[in-house]
């Protein structure tokens, strides 16, 4: 049985892949530059998600306005854990959240068809004071996953979710340091 709160991600010894949905103007500029550049907003919080299917639910498989492009953002594990180390759960009081550099929220994980599952996926909000560090230091690669997303979405729509799953990025348990896991897991 999957634990209720567990970070699952595509990761290797040095990096973690998180996902974001953007309008084409932001995605094209970032992909051309190999990093986030204008019109990417450095002035507001940006949410990164290690769960591909949660982002597919949120963006309606890249069909929502302003979320037509899906990028895989490869960041350093050091940056990922730095972000988590600065994080405050979104269930904390407003004063704690107002002063936090990073927010962490847990939402129900999703199936390929969008159904809520009985365990949670982490979303990480990178705040304005840390966004340049995320974009310029932690990010080491960007991949346009939009063609893969469109193909998988078509398969899901045609009732072929098992085939679509083969197109999904591999996600496995991310071994959070114990102190981070304890601090970022909501209390029941």
N, C-alpha and C. Protein backbone atom coordinates (compact mmCIF):
# COMPACT_ATOMS: atom_id res chain seq x y z
N UNK A 1 0.84 -1.18 0.00
CA UNK A 1 0.00 0.00 0.00
C UNK A 1 0.88 1.25 0.00
N UNK A 2 0.57 2.20 -0.85
CA UNK A 2 1.34 3.44 -0.95
C UNK A 2 1.11 4.30 0.29
N UNK A 3 2.20 4.79 0.91
CA UNK A 3 2.02 5.70 2.05
C UNK A 3 1.20 6.93 1.63
N UNK A 4 0.48 7.50 2.59
CA UNK A 4 -0.40 8.63 2.33
C UNK A 4 0.37 9.84 1.78
N UNK A 5 1.51 10.16 2.39
CA UNK A 5 2.34 11.30 1.96
C UNK A 5 3.73 10.78 1.61
N UNK A 6 4.08 10.90 0.34
CA UNK A 6 5.36 10.39 -0.11
C UNK A 6 5.74 11.15 -1.38
N UNK A 7 6.98 11.63 -1.43
CA UNK A 7 7.43 12.31 -2.64
C UNK A 7 7.86 11.24 -3.64
N UNK A 8 7.26 11.29 -4.82
CA UNK A 8 7.62 10.41 -5.92
C UNK A 8 8.04 11.31 -7.08
N UNK A 9 9.14 10.93 -7.74
CA UNK A 9 9.67 11.79 -8.80
C UNK A 9 10.56 10.98 -9.73
N UNK A 10 10.80 11.54 -10.90
CA UNK A 10 11.82 11.04 -11.81
C UNK A 10 13.12 11.69 -11.31
N UNK A 11 14.05 10.89 -10.82
CA UNK A 11 15.29 11.45 -10.27
C UNK A 11 16.45 10.50 -10.51
N UNK A 12 17.64 11.07 -10.43
CA UNK A 12 18.86 10.27 -10.49
C UNK A 12 19.75 10.72 -9.33
N UNK A 13 21.00 10.36 -9.36
CA UNK A 13 21.90 10.67 -8.25
C UNK A 13 22.11 12.17 -8.05
N UNK A 14 21.90 12.97 -9.10
CA UNK A 14 22.23 14.39 -9.02
C UNK A 14 21.06 15.34 -9.27
N UNK A 15 19.98 14.84 -9.90
CA UNK A 15 18.90 15.73 -10.30
C UNK A 15 17.52 15.14 -10.03
N UNK A 16 16.53 16.03 -10.09
CA UNK A 16 15.11 15.68 -9.95
C UNK A 16 14.38 16.38 -11.09
N UNK A 17 13.40 15.72 -11.68
CA UNK A 17 12.59 16.36 -12.71
C UNK A 17 11.28 16.80 -12.09
N UNK A 18 10.94 18.07 -12.31
CA UNK A 18 9.65 18.62 -11.90
C UNK A 18 8.97 19.11 -13.17
N UNK A 19 7.67 19.30 -13.08
CA UNK A 19 6.91 19.65 -14.28
C UNK A 19 6.17 20.96 -14.08
N UNK A 20 6.04 21.70 -15.19
CA UNK A 20 5.30 22.95 -15.18
C UNK A 20 4.59 23.09 -16.53
N UNK A 21 3.46 23.79 -16.48
CA UNK A 21 2.69 24.07 -17.70
C UNK A 21 2.76 25.56 -17.98
N UNK A 22 2.97 25.91 -19.24
CA UNK A 22 3.15 27.31 -19.63
C UNK A 22 2.42 27.62 -20.93
N UNK A 23 2.22 28.92 -21.19
CA UNK A 23 1.79 29.31 -22.53
C UNK A 23 3.00 29.15 -23.47
N UNK A 24 2.73 29.07 -24.75
CA UNK A 24 3.80 28.85 -25.73
C UNK A 24 4.89 29.91 -25.68
N UNK A 25 4.53 31.17 -25.45
CA UNK A 25 5.53 32.24 -25.43
C UNK A 25 6.60 31.98 -24.36
N UNK A 26 6.18 31.54 -23.19
CA UNK A 26 7.13 31.27 -22.10
C UNK A 26 7.95 30.03 -22.43
N UNK A 27 7.29 28.97 -22.86
CA UNK A 27 7.99 27.71 -23.17
C UNK A 27 8.99 27.91 -24.30
N UNK A 28 8.58 28.57 -25.39
CA UNK A 28 9.48 28.76 -26.53
C UNK A 28 10.72 29.57 -26.14
N UNK A 29 10.53 30.65 -25.39
CA UNK A 29 11.67 31.48 -24.98
C UNK A 29 12.62 30.69 -24.08
N UNK A 30 12.06 29.93 -23.13
CA UNK A 30 12.89 29.14 -22.22
C UNK A 30 13.66 28.05 -22.97
N UNK A 31 12.98 27.35 -23.86
CA UNK A 31 13.64 26.29 -24.61
C UNK A 31 14.73 26.84 -25.52
N UNK A 32 14.47 27.99 -26.16
CA UNK A 32 15.47 28.60 -27.05
C UNK A 32 16.71 29.04 -26.28
N UNK A 33 16.51 29.56 -25.06
CA UNK A 33 17.63 30.04 -24.24
C UNK A 33 18.27 28.93 -23.42
N UNK A 34 17.57 27.81 -23.26
CA UNK A 34 18.08 26.74 -22.42
C UNK A 34 17.93 27.03 -20.93
N UNK A 35 17.16 28.06 -20.62
CA UNK A 35 16.90 28.45 -19.22
C UNK A 35 15.70 29.38 -19.21
N UNK A 36 15.18 29.66 -18.04
CA UNK A 36 14.03 30.56 -17.97
C UNK A 36 14.45 32.00 -18.19
N UNK A 37 13.77 32.64 -19.14
CA UNK A 37 13.99 34.05 -19.47
C UNK A 37 12.61 34.68 -19.69
N UNK A 38 12.57 35.99 -19.78
CA UNK A 38 11.30 36.68 -20.07
C UNK A 38 10.73 36.08 -21.35
N UNK A 39 9.43 35.85 -21.36
CA UNK A 39 8.39 36.37 -20.48
C UNK A 39 8.10 35.55 -19.23
N UNK A 40 8.96 34.60 -18.86
CA UNK A 40 8.81 33.91 -17.57
C UNK A 40 8.79 34.98 -16.48
N UNK A 41 7.89 34.84 -15.52
CA UNK A 41 7.77 35.86 -14.47
C UNK A 41 8.68 35.55 -13.30
N UNK A 42 9.59 36.48 -13.04
CA UNK A 42 10.46 36.37 -11.88
C UNK A 42 9.85 37.10 -10.69
N UNK A 43 8.66 37.64 -10.85
CA UNK A 43 8.04 38.45 -9.80
C UNK A 43 6.91 37.78 -9.05
N UNK A 44 6.65 36.52 -9.34
CA UNK A 44 5.57 35.84 -8.61
C UNK A 44 5.95 34.40 -8.36
N UNK A 45 5.25 33.78 -7.42
CA UNK A 45 5.52 32.39 -7.08
C UNK A 45 5.28 31.49 -8.29
N UNK A 46 6.15 30.50 -8.45
CA UNK A 46 5.96 29.49 -9.48
C UNK A 46 5.88 28.14 -8.79
N UNK A 47 4.92 27.33 -9.21
CA UNK A 47 4.70 26.01 -8.60
C UNK A 47 5.33 24.93 -9.45
N UNK A 48 6.13 24.09 -8.80
CA UNK A 48 6.76 22.96 -9.47
C UNK A 48 6.18 21.67 -8.88
N UNK A 49 6.04 20.68 -9.75
CA UNK A 49 5.38 19.44 -9.36
C UNK A 49 6.19 18.24 -9.83
N UNK A 50 6.62 17.38 -8.92
CA UNK A 50 7.33 16.18 -9.36
C UNK A 50 6.39 15.09 -9.88
N UNK A 51 5.08 15.27 -9.72
CA UNK A 51 4.10 14.31 -10.21
C UNK A 51 3.60 14.72 -11.58
N UNK A 52 3.96 13.96 -12.59
CA UNK A 52 3.53 14.24 -13.96
C UNK A 52 2.01 14.17 -14.07
N UNK A 53 1.40 13.12 -13.51
CA UNK A 53 -0.05 12.97 -13.64
C UNK A 53 -0.83 14.04 -12.89
N UNK A 54 -0.27 14.55 -11.78
CA UNK A 54 -0.97 15.63 -11.10
C UNK A 54 -1.00 16.86 -12.01
N UNK A 55 0.11 17.14 -12.69
CA UNK A 55 0.13 18.28 -13.60
C UNK A 55 -0.79 18.03 -14.80
N UNK A 56 -0.89 16.80 -15.25
CA UNK A 56 -1.81 16.51 -16.35
C UNK A 56 -3.25 16.81 -15.92
N UNK A 57 -3.58 16.45 -14.70
CA UNK A 57 -4.91 16.78 -14.17
C UNK A 57 -5.08 18.30 -14.11
N UNK A 58 -4.11 19.00 -13.58
CA UNK A 58 -4.19 20.46 -13.39
C UNK A 58 -4.29 21.20 -14.72
N UNK A 59 -3.55 20.74 -15.72
CA UNK A 59 -3.52 21.43 -17.02
C UNK A 59 -4.49 20.82 -18.03
N UNK A 60 -5.25 19.80 -17.61
CA UNK A 60 -6.13 19.07 -18.51
C UNK A 60 -5.35 18.57 -19.73
N UNK A 61 -4.24 17.93 -19.44
CA UNK A 61 -3.37 17.37 -20.48
C UNK A 61 -2.98 18.46 -21.49
N UNK A 62 -2.56 19.59 -20.96
CA UNK A 62 -2.06 20.73 -21.76
C UNK A 62 -3.15 21.35 -22.64
N UNK A 63 -4.40 21.28 -22.19
CA UNK A 63 -5.49 21.88 -22.95
C UNK A 63 -6.03 23.17 -22.32
N UNK A 64 -5.65 23.47 -21.08
CA UNK A 64 -6.14 24.70 -20.44
C UNK A 64 -5.42 25.90 -21.03
N UNK A 65 -6.14 26.99 -21.15
CA UNK A 65 -5.55 28.24 -21.66
C UNK A 65 -4.38 28.65 -20.78
N UNK A 66 -3.27 29.00 -21.41
CA UNK A 66 -2.08 29.41 -20.69
C UNK A 66 -1.27 28.25 -20.15
N UNK A 67 -1.73 27.02 -20.39
CA UNK A 67 -1.02 25.82 -19.92
C UNK A 67 -0.87 24.81 -21.05
N UNK A 68 -0.71 25.30 -22.26
CA UNK A 68 -0.69 24.44 -23.45
C UNK A 68 0.64 23.73 -23.68
N UNK A 69 1.65 24.12 -22.96
CA UNK A 69 2.96 23.50 -23.14
C UNK A 69 3.44 22.94 -21.80
N UNK A 70 3.94 21.74 -21.85
CA UNK A 70 4.42 21.06 -20.64
C UNK A 70 5.94 20.93 -20.73
N UNK A 71 6.60 21.47 -19.73
CA UNK A 71 8.06 21.36 -19.66
C UNK A 71 8.47 20.45 -18.52
N UNK A 72 9.43 19.59 -18.80
CA UNK A 72 10.12 18.85 -17.75
C UNK A 72 11.31 19.72 -17.36
N UNK A 73 11.40 20.06 -16.11
CA UNK A 73 12.46 20.96 -15.62
C UNK A 73 13.37 20.12 -14.73
N UNK A 74 14.58 19.89 -15.20
CA UNK A 74 15.55 19.10 -14.42
C UNK A 74 16.30 20.06 -13.51
N UNK A 75 16.18 19.82 -12.19
CA UNK A 75 16.86 20.68 -11.22
C UNK A 75 17.81 19.83 -10.39
N UNK A 76 18.77 20.48 -9.77
CA UNK A 76 19.71 19.74 -8.93
C UNK A 76 19.00 19.22 -7.68
N UNK A 77 19.45 18.09 -7.21
CA UNK A 77 18.91 17.58 -5.94
C UNK A 77 19.24 18.54 -4.81
N UNK A 78 20.40 19.15 -4.89
CA UNK A 78 20.78 20.14 -3.88
C UNK A 78 19.77 21.28 -3.85
N UNK A 79 19.38 21.78 -5.02
CA UNK A 79 18.37 22.84 -5.10
C UNK A 79 17.02 22.38 -4.60
N UNK A 80 16.61 21.18 -5.00
CA UNK A 80 15.33 20.61 -4.57
C UNK A 80 15.27 20.54 -3.05
N UNK A 81 16.33 20.01 -2.46
CA UNK A 81 16.33 19.88 -1.00
C UNK A 81 16.49 21.23 -0.31
N UNK A 82 17.19 22.17 -0.94
CA UNK A 82 17.26 23.54 -0.40
C UNK A 82 15.86 24.14 -0.38
N UNK A 83 15.12 23.99 -1.48
CA UNK A 83 13.75 24.51 -1.54
C UNK A 83 12.90 23.88 -0.44
N UNK A 84 12.96 22.57 -0.31
CA UNK A 84 12.17 21.90 0.71
C UNK A 84 12.58 22.31 2.12
N UNK A 85 13.87 22.57 2.30
CA UNK A 85 14.37 23.01 3.60
C UNK A 85 13.85 24.39 3.98
N UNK A 86 13.51 25.22 3.00
CA UNK A 86 12.97 26.56 3.25
C UNK A 86 11.44 26.56 3.33
N UNK A 87 10.82 25.43 3.08
CA UNK A 87 9.38 25.37 2.88
C UNK A 87 8.57 25.41 4.17
N UNK A 88 7.38 25.96 4.02
CA UNK A 88 6.34 25.96 5.05
C UNK A 88 5.11 25.30 4.43
N UNK A 89 4.46 24.44 5.19
CA UNK A 89 3.22 23.83 4.70
C UNK A 89 2.17 24.90 4.50
N UNK A 90 1.38 24.77 3.45
CA UNK A 90 0.32 25.75 3.17
C UNK A 90 -0.78 25.72 4.22
N UNK A 91 -0.76 24.73 5.09
CA UNK A 91 -1.74 24.67 6.17
C UNK A 91 -1.30 25.48 7.39
N UNK A 92 -0.10 26.06 7.33
CA UNK A 92 0.38 26.92 8.43
C UNK A 92 -0.43 28.22 8.43
N UNK A 93 -0.29 28.98 9.46
CA UNK A 93 -1.02 30.25 9.55
C UNK A 93 -0.56 31.26 8.53
N UNK A 94 -1.38 32.29 8.28
CA UNK A 94 -1.07 33.30 7.27
C UNK A 94 0.25 34.03 7.53
N UNK A 95 0.59 34.28 8.79
CA UNK A 95 1.84 34.97 9.09
C UNK A 95 3.05 34.14 8.69
N UNK A 96 3.00 32.83 8.99
CA UNK A 96 4.10 31.94 8.62
C UNK A 96 4.24 31.87 7.11
N UNK A 97 3.13 31.76 6.41
CA UNK A 97 3.16 31.67 4.94
C UNK A 97 3.68 32.96 4.32
N UNK A 98 3.28 34.10 4.88
CA UNK A 98 3.70 35.39 4.31
C UNK A 98 5.21 35.55 4.33
N UNK A 99 5.86 34.99 5.33
CA UNK A 99 7.31 35.12 5.43
C UNK A 99 8.09 33.98 4.81
N UNK A 100 7.40 32.99 4.26
CA UNK A 100 8.08 31.80 3.73
C UNK A 100 8.59 32.02 2.31
N UNK A 101 9.78 31.54 2.06
CA UNK A 101 10.36 31.59 0.71
C UNK A 101 9.73 30.54 -0.20
N UNK A 102 9.29 29.43 0.40
CA UNK A 102 8.78 28.29 -0.35
C UNK A 102 7.55 27.74 0.37
N UNK A 103 6.53 27.38 -0.40
CA UNK A 103 5.33 26.75 0.15
C UNK A 103 5.26 25.30 -0.32
N UNK A 104 4.76 24.43 0.54
CA UNK A 104 4.53 23.03 0.18
C UNK A 104 3.07 22.72 0.41
N UNK A 105 2.48 22.09 -0.58
CA UNK A 105 1.07 21.70 -0.52
C UNK A 105 0.96 20.25 -0.97
N UNK A 106 0.10 19.50 -0.31
CA UNK A 106 -0.15 18.12 -0.68
C UNK A 106 -1.55 18.01 -1.27
N UNK A 107 -1.66 17.45 -2.45
CA UNK A 107 -2.94 17.27 -3.13
C UNK A 107 -3.09 15.81 -3.52
N UNK A 108 -4.34 15.33 -3.66
CA UNK A 108 -4.52 13.94 -4.07
C UNK A 108 -3.81 13.64 -5.40
N UNK A 109 -3.05 12.57 -5.40
CA UNK A 109 -2.41 12.11 -6.64
C UNK A 109 -3.52 11.72 -7.60
N UNK A 110 -3.21 11.69 -8.88
CA UNK A 110 -4.22 11.41 -9.91
C UNK A 110 -3.83 10.21 -10.75
N UNK A 111 -4.85 9.55 -11.26
CA UNK A 111 -4.65 8.46 -12.22
C UNK A 111 -4.53 9.09 -13.61
N UNK A 112 -4.22 8.27 -14.61
CA UNK A 112 -4.13 8.78 -15.98
C UNK A 112 -5.46 9.35 -16.45
N UNK A 113 -6.55 8.83 -15.92
CA UNK A 113 -7.89 9.33 -16.29
C UNK A 113 -8.32 10.52 -15.44
N UNK A 114 -7.47 10.94 -14.48
CA UNK A 114 -7.77 12.11 -13.67
C UNK A 114 -8.45 11.84 -12.35
N UNK A 115 -8.73 10.59 -12.05
CA UNK A 115 -9.39 10.26 -10.78
C UNK A 115 -8.44 10.49 -9.61
N UNK A 116 -8.98 11.03 -8.52
CA UNK A 116 -8.19 11.22 -7.30
C UNK A 116 -7.85 9.85 -6.71
N UNK A 117 -6.59 9.68 -6.34
CA UNK A 117 -6.15 8.44 -5.70
C UNK A 117 -6.14 8.65 -4.19
N UNK A 118 -5.89 7.59 -3.45
CA UNK A 118 -5.96 7.69 -2.00
C UNK A 118 -4.61 7.97 -1.35
N UNK A 119 -3.72 8.63 -2.07
CA UNK A 119 -2.47 9.12 -1.51
C UNK A 119 -2.17 10.47 -2.14
N UNK A 120 -1.21 11.18 -1.56
CA UNK A 120 -0.99 12.57 -1.94
C UNK A 120 0.32 12.79 -2.68
N UNK A 121 0.31 13.86 -3.46
CA UNK A 121 1.46 14.28 -4.25
C UNK A 121 1.85 15.69 -3.80
N UNK A 122 3.12 15.96 -3.76
CA UNK A 122 3.61 17.25 -3.28
C UNK A 122 3.68 18.27 -4.42
N UNK A 123 3.28 19.49 -4.11
CA UNK A 123 3.46 20.64 -5.00
C UNK A 123 4.33 21.64 -4.23
N UNK A 124 5.28 22.26 -4.89
CA UNK A 124 6.21 23.16 -4.22
C UNK A 124 6.16 24.53 -4.89
N UNK A 125 5.79 25.53 -4.11
CA UNK A 125 5.70 26.90 -4.61
C UNK A 125 6.98 27.65 -4.30
N UNK A 126 7.70 28.02 -5.36
CA UNK A 126 8.96 28.75 -5.22
C UNK A 126 8.64 30.24 -5.23
N UNK A 127 8.90 30.91 -4.11
CA UNK A 127 8.54 32.31 -3.95
C UNK A 127 9.51 33.28 -4.63
N UNK A 128 9.11 34.54 -4.64
CA UNK A 128 9.86 35.59 -5.33
C UNK A 128 11.30 35.73 -4.87
N UNK A 129 11.57 35.51 -3.59
CA UNK A 129 12.94 35.68 -3.09
C UNK A 129 13.87 34.55 -3.54
N UNK A 130 13.30 33.46 -4.05
CA UNK A 130 14.12 32.30 -4.43
C UNK A 130 14.00 31.99 -5.92
N UNK A 131 13.11 32.65 -6.62
CA UNK A 131 12.80 32.27 -8.00
C UNK A 131 14.01 32.39 -8.94
N UNK A 132 14.82 33.40 -8.77
CA UNK A 132 16.01 33.51 -9.63
C UNK A 132 17.01 32.39 -9.35
N UNK A 133 17.13 32.01 -8.09
CA UNK A 133 18.01 30.88 -7.75
C UNK A 133 17.50 29.61 -8.42
N UNK A 134 16.18 29.38 -8.34
CA UNK A 134 15.57 28.23 -9.02
C UNK A 134 15.89 28.26 -10.51
N UNK A 135 15.64 29.40 -11.14
CA UNK A 135 15.77 29.51 -12.59
C UNK A 135 17.22 29.51 -13.07
N UNK A 136 18.10 30.13 -12.32
CA UNK A 136 19.47 30.35 -12.81
C UNK A 136 20.51 29.40 -12.22
N UNK A 137 20.24 28.85 -11.05
CA UNK A 137 21.23 27.97 -10.42
C UNK A 137 20.77 26.52 -10.32
N UNK A 138 19.52 26.30 -9.91
CA UNK A 138 19.06 24.94 -9.70
C UNK A 138 18.68 24.26 -11.00
N UNK A 139 18.12 24.99 -11.97
CA UNK A 139 17.67 24.39 -13.21
C UNK A 139 18.86 24.05 -14.10
N UNK A 140 18.96 22.78 -14.48
CA UNK A 140 20.08 22.35 -15.32
C UNK A 140 19.63 21.83 -16.68
N UNK A 141 18.31 21.75 -16.91
CA UNK A 141 17.82 21.30 -18.20
C UNK A 141 16.33 21.48 -18.33
N UNK A 142 15.89 21.74 -19.56
CA UNK A 142 14.47 21.89 -19.88
C UNK A 142 14.14 20.97 -21.04
N UNK A 143 13.02 20.28 -20.95
CA UNK A 143 12.58 19.39 -22.02
C UNK A 143 11.13 19.69 -22.35
N UNK A 144 10.83 19.86 -23.62
CA UNK A 144 9.44 20.06 -24.05
C UNK A 144 8.77 18.69 -24.15
N UNK A 145 7.85 18.44 -23.24
CA UNK A 145 7.15 17.17 -23.21
C UNK A 145 5.79 17.23 -23.91
N UNK A 146 5.48 18.37 -24.52
CA UNK A 146 4.16 18.58 -25.10
C UNK A 146 3.79 17.52 -26.14
N UNK A 147 4.65 17.15 -27.09
CA UNK A 147 4.25 16.11 -28.05
C UNK A 147 3.91 14.78 -27.37
N UNK A 148 4.68 14.39 -26.38
CA UNK A 148 4.43 13.17 -25.62
C UNK A 148 3.10 13.28 -24.87
N UNK A 149 2.84 14.47 -24.29
CA UNK A 149 1.58 14.70 -23.56
C UNK A 149 0.39 14.57 -24.50
N UNK A 150 0.48 15.16 -25.67
CA UNK A 150 -0.64 15.10 -26.62
C UNK A 150 -0.92 13.66 -27.06
N UNK A 151 0.14 12.91 -27.29
CA UNK A 151 -0.03 11.51 -27.69
C UNK A 151 -0.67 10.71 -26.56
N UNK A 152 -0.19 10.90 -25.33
CA UNK A 152 -0.75 10.18 -24.18
C UNK A 152 -2.19 10.59 -23.95
N UNK A 153 -2.50 11.88 -24.07
CA UNK A 153 -3.87 12.36 -23.87
C UNK A 153 -4.82 11.72 -24.88
N UNK A 154 -4.35 11.61 -26.12
CA UNK A 154 -5.18 10.98 -27.15
C UNK A 154 -5.47 9.52 -26.79
N UNK A 155 -4.46 8.82 -26.31
CA UNK A 155 -4.65 7.42 -25.92
C UNK A 155 -5.63 7.31 -24.75
N UNK A 156 -5.49 8.18 -23.75
CA UNK A 156 -6.40 8.16 -22.60
C UNK A 156 -7.82 8.43 -23.07
N UNK A 157 -8.00 9.41 -23.94
CA UNK A 157 -9.34 9.74 -24.45
C UNK A 157 -9.97 8.57 -25.20
N UNK A 158 -9.14 7.78 -25.86
CA UNK A 158 -9.66 6.64 -26.61
C UNK A 158 -9.77 5.38 -25.75
N UNK A 159 -9.65 5.55 -24.41
CA UNK A 159 -9.80 4.42 -23.51
C UNK A 159 -8.60 3.50 -23.46
N UNK A 160 -7.45 4.00 -23.85
CA UNK A 160 -6.24 3.18 -23.90
C UNK A 160 -5.21 3.68 -22.88
N UNK A 161 -5.67 3.84 -21.62
CA UNK A 161 -4.83 4.38 -20.55
C UNK A 161 -3.58 3.53 -20.30
N UNK A 162 -3.71 2.22 -20.44
CA UNK A 162 -2.54 1.35 -20.23
C UNK A 162 -1.44 1.68 -21.23
N UNK A 163 -1.80 1.94 -22.47
CA UNK A 163 -0.81 2.33 -23.48
C UNK A 163 -0.24 3.71 -23.16
N UNK A 164 -1.11 4.61 -22.70
CA UNK A 164 -0.66 5.97 -22.36
C UNK A 164 0.38 5.93 -21.24
N UNK A 165 0.21 5.02 -20.28
CA UNK A 165 1.13 4.94 -19.15
C UNK A 165 2.57 4.68 -19.60
N UNK A 166 2.72 3.99 -20.73
CA UNK A 166 4.07 3.72 -21.25
C UNK A 166 4.79 4.99 -21.70
N UNK A 167 4.02 6.04 -21.94
CA UNK A 167 4.61 7.32 -22.36
C UNK A 167 4.93 8.23 -21.18
N UNK A 168 4.53 7.83 -19.98
CA UNK A 168 4.72 8.67 -18.81
C UNK A 168 6.14 8.55 -18.27
N UNK A 169 6.65 9.64 -17.73
CA UNK A 169 7.99 9.58 -17.12
C UNK A 169 8.00 8.61 -15.93
N UNK A 170 9.12 7.97 -15.70
CA UNK A 170 9.22 7.06 -14.56
C UNK A 170 9.28 7.86 -13.25
N UNK A 171 8.49 7.48 -12.29
CA UNK A 171 8.53 8.14 -10.98
C UNK A 171 8.67 7.07 -9.91
N UNK A 172 9.55 7.34 -8.98
CA UNK A 172 9.75 6.42 -7.86
C UNK A 172 9.95 7.25 -6.61
N UNK A 173 9.96 6.59 -5.50
CA UNK A 173 10.08 7.29 -4.22
C UNK A 173 11.37 8.09 -4.18
N UNK A 174 11.24 9.35 -3.79
CA UNK A 174 12.42 10.21 -3.60
C UNK A 174 12.80 10.11 -2.12
N UNK A 175 14.04 9.73 -1.83
CA UNK A 175 14.45 9.54 -0.44
C UNK A 175 14.73 10.87 0.26
N UNK A 176 13.69 11.46 0.81
CA UNK A 176 13.86 12.72 1.54
C UNK A 176 14.68 12.50 2.81
N UNK A 177 15.57 13.43 3.13
CA UNK A 177 16.21 13.34 4.45
C UNK A 177 15.13 13.30 5.53
N UNK A 178 15.35 12.52 6.56
CA UNK A 178 14.33 12.28 7.60
C UNK A 178 13.78 13.57 8.19
N UNK A 179 14.65 14.55 8.47
CA UNK A 179 14.17 15.79 9.09
C UNK A 179 13.24 16.56 8.16
N UNK A 180 13.49 16.52 6.86
CA UNK A 180 12.59 17.20 5.91
C UNK A 180 11.26 16.46 5.82
N UNK A 181 11.32 15.16 5.73
CA UNK A 181 10.10 14.37 5.65
C UNK A 181 9.20 14.60 6.85
N UNK A 182 9.79 14.62 8.04
CA UNK A 182 9.01 14.82 9.26
C UNK A 182 8.40 16.24 9.30
N UNK A 183 9.14 17.23 8.86
CA UNK A 183 8.68 18.61 8.92
C UNK A 183 7.63 18.92 7.86
N UNK A 184 7.71 18.25 6.71
CA UNK A 184 6.82 18.57 5.59
C UNK A 184 5.61 17.65 5.45
N UNK A 185 5.52 16.65 6.31
CA UNK A 185 4.37 15.75 6.27
C UNK A 185 3.29 16.29 7.17
N UNK A 186 2.10 16.52 6.63
CA UNK A 186 0.99 17.01 7.47
C UNK A 186 0.69 16.04 8.61
N UNK A 187 0.28 16.60 9.71
CA UNK A 187 -0.13 15.78 10.85
C UNK A 187 -1.59 15.41 10.68
N UNK A 188 -1.89 14.16 10.93
CA UNK A 188 -3.27 13.69 10.77
C UNK A 188 -4.17 14.20 11.87
